[in-house]
Amino acid sequence: MQTGSCECGAVKFEVTGKLRPVVACHCTQCRKTSGHYWAATQVENEQLNITEDSGLKWFRSSNFARRGFCTGCGASLFWQLDGEGATSIGAGTLDGKTDLKTEKHICCADQGDYYDISDGLPQAADLDNSND
């Protein structure tokens, strides 16, 4: 089991399933929400147990997805694509050692002009059927 939380502890969660490798999303929404690009893993909804939700707020960020964040500290925690049955989880919100690796970059067409993607991992111009 993997645990995670926001910075202030008003949102805490446990993950009981296998986490997907990390995908880095460079879309404008992810950059606006996180302050940089969004790096997330993912798990089936049934394998995500939110154990503390006093600070959890969901924001409908588009007509096809919503984002979960903490109203106390502002941490960007979750992303859910409507009807997918899975939740993307900000990789940085997980506690301790995760053994996760970043596998690719998506929405690179929206990448900010202040950084380069130079790690040699695959890059897709758009969502590339990967959900984050």
Protein backbone atom coordinates (compact mmCIF):
# COMPACT_ATOMS: atom_id res chain seq x y z
CA MET A 1 0.00 0.00 0.00
CA GLN A 2 1.14 3.53 -0.84
CA THR A 3 0.01 6.61 1.10
CA GLY A 4 -0.07 10.26 0.18
CA SER A 5 -1.39 13.65 1.20
CA CYS A 6 -1.43 17.36 0.58
CA GLU A 7 1.07 19.55 2.42
CA CYS A 8 -1.22 20.54 5.31
CA GLY A 9 -2.78 17.08 5.83
CA ALA A 10 -6.38 18.11 5.14
CA VAL A 11 -6.41 15.53 2.31
CA LYS A 12 -4.90 12.08 2.84
CA PHE A 13 -5.21 8.94 0.78
CA GLU A 14 -4.13 5.33 0.40
CA VAL A 15 -3.52 3.43 -2.83
CA THR A 16 -3.94 -0.34 -2.78
CA GLY A 17 -3.37 -1.07 -6.46
CA LYS A 18 -0.41 -0.95 -8.78
CA LEU A 19 0.48 2.57 -9.84
CA ARG A 20 1.06 3.37 -13.51
CA PRO A 21 4.44 4.88 -14.48
CA VAL A 22 4.53 8.66 -14.27
CA VAL A 23 3.40 10.73 -17.26
CA ALA A 24 4.40 14.39 -17.47
CA CYS A 25 1.70 16.63 -18.96
CA HIS A 26 2.70 20.02 -20.34
CA CYS A 27 -0.77 21.35 -21.25
CA THR A 28 -1.69 24.88 -20.26
CA GLN A 29 -4.25 23.70 -17.66
CA CYS A 30 -1.72 21.46 -15.91
CA ARG A 31 0.88 24.23 -15.89
CA LYS A 32 -1.65 26.74 -14.51
CA THR A 33 -2.82 24.30 -11.83
CA SER A 34 0.60 23.15 -10.65
CA GLY A 35 2.86 26.07 -11.50
CA HIS A 36 4.93 23.89 -13.85
CA TYR A 37 4.14 20.72 -15.73
CA TRP A 38 2.04 18.05 -14.00
CA ALA A 39 3.72 14.71 -13.28
CA ALA A 40 1.21 12.03 -12.34
CA THR A 41 0.75 8.36 -11.82
CA GLN A 42 -2.66 6.70 -12.02
CA VAL A 43 -4.75 4.03 -10.30
CA GLU A 44 -8.22 2.55 -10.72
CA ASN A 45 -10.81 4.41 -8.61
CA GLU A 46 -11.59 1.32 -6.53
CA GLN A 47 -7.93 1.21 -5.46
CA LEU A 48 -7.87 4.81 -4.20
CA ASN A 49 -9.14 5.34 -0.67
CA ILE A 50 -9.37 8.95 0.49
CA THR A 51 -8.94 8.73 4.26
CA GLU A 52 -9.16 12.47 5.02
CA ASP A 53 -11.18 14.79 2.81
CA SER A 54 -11.86 17.85 4.98
CA GLY A 55 -9.88 20.01 2.55
CA LEU A 56 -10.74 18.24 -0.71
CA LYS A 57 -12.45 20.31 -3.39
CA TRP A 58 -13.17 19.21 -6.94
CA PHE A 59 -12.91 21.73 -9.77
CA ARG A 60 -14.49 21.07 -13.17
CA SER A 61 -11.53 22.15 -15.31
CA SER A 62 -13.01 21.22 -18.69
CA ASN A 63 -16.09 19.61 -20.18
CA PHE A 64 -14.42 16.19 -19.87
CA ALA A 65 -12.39 16.21 -16.63
CA ARG A 66 -12.13 17.49 -13.08
CA ARG A 67 -9.24 18.22 -10.72
CA GLY A 68 -9.01 17.63 -6.99
CA PHE A 69 -7.10 20.05 -4.78
CA CYS A 70 -6.75 21.04 -1.13
CA THR A 71 -8.61 24.16 -0.01
CA GLY A 72 -6.18 24.56 2.91
CA CYS A 73 -2.74 24.54 1.31
CA GLY A 74 -3.70 24.68 -2.37
CA ALA A 75 -2.00 21.39 -3.31
CA SER A 76 -2.95 19.96 -6.69
CA LEU A 77 -3.65 16.29 -5.99
CA PHE A 78 -5.92 14.50 -8.48
CA TRP A 79 -7.20 14.52 -12.06
CA GLN A 80 -10.16 12.45 -13.29
CA LEU A 81 -11.29 11.97 -16.86
CA ASP A 82 -15.08 11.52 -16.99
CA GLY A 83 -16.11 7.89 -17.38
CA GLU A 84 -12.59 6.46 -17.27
CA GLY A 85 -12.83 4.85 -13.82
CA ALA A 86 -9.31 5.91 -12.83
CA THR A 87 -7.69 8.80 -10.97
CA SER A 88 -4.40 10.43 -11.82
CA ILE A 89 -2.44 11.28 -8.68
CA GLY A 90 0.27 13.92 -8.50
CA ALA A 91 3.47 11.90 -8.11
CA GLY A 92 4.87 14.44 -5.65
CA THR A 93 1.95 13.89 -3.26
CA LEU A 94 2.97 10.28 -2.55
CA ASP A 95 4.78 9.55 0.72
CA GLY A 96 8.24 8.00 0.87
CA LYS A 97 9.88 5.81 -1.75
CA THR A 98 7.64 4.99 -4.71
CA ASP A 99 9.93 3.20 -7.20
CA LEU A 100 8.02 5.02 -9.96
CA LYS A 101 9.74 6.25 -13.12
CA THR A 102 8.59 8.85 -15.63
CA GLU A 103 7.70 7.09 -18.90
CA LYS A 104 6.76 9.91 -21.28
CA HIS A 105 5.71 13.52 -21.85
CA ILE A 106 2.33 14.53 -23.30
CA CYS A 107 0.78 17.78 -24.57
CA CYS A 108 4.24 19.01 -25.50
CA ALA A 109 2.72 21.39 -28.06
CA ASP A 110 1.63 23.50 -25.04
CA GLN A 111 5.00 23.32 -23.30
CA GLY A 112 6.13 26.53 -21.58
CA ASP A 113 8.88 28.49 -23.32
CA TYR A 114 10.97 28.73 -20.14
CA TYR A 115 12.16 25.11 -20.05
CA ASP A 116 13.38 22.30 -22.27
CA ILE A 117 12.37 18.65 -22.23
CA SER A 118 15.75 17.00 -22.52
CA ASP A 119 15.49 13.67 -20.69
CA GLY A 120 15.22 11.62 -23.90
CA LEU A 121 11.81 10.14 -23.03
CA PRO A 122 9.06 9.87 -25.67
CA GLN A 123 7.10 13.07 -26.35
CA ALA A 124 3.60 13.53 -27.76
CA ALA A 125 2.27 16.83 -29.07
CA ASP A 126 -1.20 16.20 -27.61
CA LEU A 127 -2.96 14.01 -25.05
CA ASP A 128 -1.87 10.86 -26.93
CA ASN A 129 -4.64 8.81 -25.26
CA SER A 130 -2.79 9.09 -21.94
CA ASN A 131 -4.76 10.55 -19.09
CA ASP A 132 -3.43 13.12 -16.73
